[in-house]
Amino acid sequence: LAPWHNRLDMKVCQEIYFDVKGRRTTLELGVDLVNATNLLNSNWGTYKQISSQTILEYANGKYSFKEPKWNVYNNLLSAWQLLLHVRYSF
């Protein structure tokens, strides 16, 4: 069983309407924040992976289970990300 994982993604955008030659057009400005919990605290929103190579051992005709060790796997999924976007609809 994997450790509990908390992650919060947020999106905020604003649409601005205006007329161009009698047609309604829209300009959208926005911010997407992925893994906002990691932005607040570097220990939150991290993905973990098993660090041990084997969790089952076979010896003397019996299998035994070894509890896995979980380490923080700092990759792109564990870090917060910010995306700014602009969209023009006509």
C-alpha atoms as a PDB file:
ATOM      1  CA  LEU A   1       0.000   0.000   0.000  1.00  0.00           C
ATOM      2  CA  ALA A   2       1.375   3.371  -0.975  1.00  0.00           C
ATOM      3  CA  PRO A   3       1.609   6.286   1.459  1.00  0.00           C
ATOM      4  CA  TRP A   4      -1.156   8.886   1.439  1.00  0.00           C
ATOM      5  CA  HIS A   5      -0.707  11.607  -1.167  1.00  0.00           C
ATOM      6  CA  ASN A   6      -2.175  15.125  -1.031  1.00  0.00           C
ATOM      7  CA  ARG A   7      -2.132  17.459  -3.995  1.00  0.00           C
ATOM      8  CA  LEU A   8      -4.043  20.639  -4.791  1.00  0.00           C
ATOM      9  CA  ASP A   9      -4.291  22.152  -8.286  1.00  0.00           C
ATOM     10  CA  MET A  10      -5.743  25.618  -8.853  1.00  0.00           C
ATOM     11  CA  LYS A  11      -6.834  27.677 -11.851  1.00  0.00           C
ATOM     12  CA  VAL A  12      -7.813  31.342 -11.885  1.00  0.00           C
ATOM     13  CA  CYS A  13      -8.843  33.159 -15.059  1.00  0.00           C
ATOM     14  CA  GLN A  14     -10.505  36.379 -16.093  1.00  0.00           C
ATOM     15  CA  GLU A  15     -12.381  36.976 -19.340  1.00  0.00           C
ATOM     16  CA  ILE A  16     -12.463  40.446 -20.892  1.00  0.00           C
ATOM     17  CA  TYR A  17     -15.114  41.125 -23.539  1.00  0.00           C
ATOM     18  CA  PHE A  18     -14.904  43.834 -26.203  1.00  0.00           C
ATOM     19  CA  ASP A  19     -16.316  44.594 -29.664  1.00  0.00           C
ATOM     20  CA  VAL A  20     -14.225  44.561 -32.823  1.00  0.00           C
ATOM     21  CA  LYS A  21     -16.078  45.727 -35.944  1.00  0.00           C
ATOM     22  CA  GLY A  22     -19.442  44.869 -34.416  1.00  0.00           C
ATOM     23  CA  ARG A  23     -18.411  41.364 -33.273  1.00  0.00           C
ATOM     24  CA  ARG A  24     -17.939  40.297 -29.692  1.00  0.00           C
ATOM     25  CA  THR A  25     -14.421  39.007 -28.954  1.00  0.00           C
ATOM     26  CA  THR A  26     -12.948  37.632 -25.768  1.00  0.00           C
ATOM     27  CA  LEU A  27      -9.529  37.892 -24.199  1.00  0.00           C
ATOM     28  CA  GLU A  28      -8.877  35.410 -21.391  1.00  0.00           C
ATOM     29  CA  LEU A  29      -5.972  35.820 -18.964  1.00  0.00           C
ATOM     30  CA  GLY A  30      -5.228  33.046 -16.506  1.00  0.00           C
ATOM     31  CA  VAL A  31      -2.907  31.301 -14.099  1.00  0.00           C
ATOM     32  CA  ASP A  32      -2.723  27.531 -13.500  1.00  0.00           C
ATOM     33  CA  LEU A  33      -0.960  26.376 -10.335  1.00  0.00           C
ATOM     34  CA  VAL A  34      -0.169  22.660 -10.220  1.00  0.00           C
ATOM     35  CA  ASN A  35       0.652  21.072  -6.840  1.00  0.00           C
ATOM     36  CA  ALA A  36      -0.003  24.225  -4.802  1.00  0.00           C
ATOM     37  CA  THR A  37       0.567  22.286  -1.575  1.00  0.00           C
ATOM     38  CA  ASN A  38       4.248  21.873  -2.482  1.00  0.00           C
ATOM     39  CA  LEU A  39       4.521  25.644  -2.961  1.00  0.00           C
ATOM     40  CA  LEU A  40       3.310  26.164   0.629  1.00  0.00           C
ATOM     41  CA  ASN A  41       5.544  23.479   2.178  1.00  0.00           C
ATOM     42  CA  SER A  42       8.277  21.479   0.415  1.00  0.00           C
ATOM     43  CA  ASN A  43       7.311  18.321   2.356  1.00  0.00           C
ATOM     44  CA  TRP A  44       3.722  18.382   1.048  1.00  0.00           C
ATOM     45  CA  GLY A  45       2.546  17.092  -2.317  1.00  0.00           C
ATOM     46  CA  THR A  46       5.575  14.888  -2.920  1.00  0.00           C
ATOM     47  CA  TYR A  47       5.392  11.543  -4.660  1.00  0.00           C
ATOM     48  CA  LYS A  48       7.079   8.608  -2.954  1.00  0.00           C
ATOM     49  CA  GLN A  49       8.438   5.389  -4.403  1.00  0.00           C
ATOM     50  CA  ILE A  50       9.717   2.136  -2.954  1.00  0.00           C
ATOM     51  CA  SER A  51      13.450   2.258  -2.337  1.00  0.00           C
ATOM     52  CA  SER A  52      13.919  -1.442  -1.609  1.00  0.00           C
ATOM     53  CA  GLN A  53      14.459  -3.773  -4.555  1.00  0.00           C
ATOM     54  CA  THR A  54      12.557  -6.767  -3.180  1.00  0.00           C
ATOM     55  CA  ILE A  55       9.716  -7.063  -0.712  1.00  0.00           C
ATOM     56  CA  LEU A  56       9.497 -10.876  -0.855  1.00  0.00           C
ATOM     57  CA  GLU A  57      12.313 -13.174   0.180  1.00  0.00           C
ATOM     58  CA  TYR A  58      12.472 -16.916  -0.258  1.00  0.00           C
ATOM     59  CA  ALA A  59      14.550 -18.905   2.230  1.00  0.00           C
ATOM     60  CA  ASN A  60      14.305 -22.452   3.651  1.00  0.00           C
ATOM     61  CA  GLY A  61      11.218 -23.249   1.577  1.00  0.00           C
ATOM     62  CA  LYS A  62       9.228 -20.224   2.859  1.00  0.00           C
ATOM     63  CA  TYR A  63       8.431 -16.795   1.562  1.00  0.00           C
ATOM     64  CA  SER A  64       8.742 -13.871   3.938  1.00  0.00           C
ATOM     65  CA  PHE A  65       7.501 -10.334   3.452  1.00  0.00           C
ATOM     66  CA  LYS A  66       9.766  -7.382   4.154  1.00  0.00           C
ATOM     67  CA  GLU A  67       8.075  -4.049   4.772  1.00  0.00           C
ATOM     68  CA  PRO A  68       9.009  -1.677   1.944  1.00  0.00           C
ATOM     69  CA  LYS A  69      10.848   1.574   2.619  1.00  0.00           C
ATOM     70  CA  TRP A  70       9.436   4.671   0.977  1.00  0.00           C
ATOM     71  CA  ASN A  71      11.657   7.523  -0.170  1.00  0.00           C
ATOM     72  CA  VAL A  72      10.679  10.872  -1.603  1.00  0.00           C
ATOM     73  CA  TYR A  73      10.974  10.775  -5.368  1.00  0.00           C
ATOM     74  CA  ASN A  74      11.694  14.369  -6.328  1.00  0.00           C
ATOM     75  CA  ASN A  75      10.820  14.692  -9.961  1.00  0.00           C
ATOM     76  CA  LEU A  76       8.576  16.949 -11.974  1.00  0.00           C
ATOM     77  CA  LEU A  77       5.434  15.529 -10.318  1.00  0.00           C
ATOM     78  CA  SER A  78       6.663  16.441  -6.816  1.00  0.00           C
ATOM     79  CA  ALA A  79       7.471  20.068  -7.661  1.00  0.00           C
ATOM     80  CA  TRP A  80       4.975  22.903  -8.009  1.00  0.00           C
ATOM     81  CA  GLN A  81       4.409  24.350 -11.465  1.00  0.00           C
ATOM     82  CA  LEU A  82       2.993  27.669 -12.642  1.00  0.00           C
ATOM     83  CA  LEU A  83       1.492  28.277 -16.078  1.00  0.00           C
ATOM     84  CA  LEU A  84       0.397  31.686 -17.358  1.00  0.00           C
ATOM     85  CA  HIS A  85      -1.956  31.688 -20.319  1.00  0.00           C
ATOM     86  CA  VAL A  86      -3.596  34.125 -22.697  1.00  0.00           C
ATOM     87  CA  ARG A  87      -6.387  33.135 -25.095  1.00  0.00           C
ATOM     88  CA  TYR A  88      -8.047  35.302 -27.704  1.00  0.00           C
ATOM     89  CA  SER A  89     -11.389  34.157 -29.106  1.00  0.00           C
ATOM     90  CA  PHE A  90     -12.970  35.879 -32.105  1.00  0.00           C
END
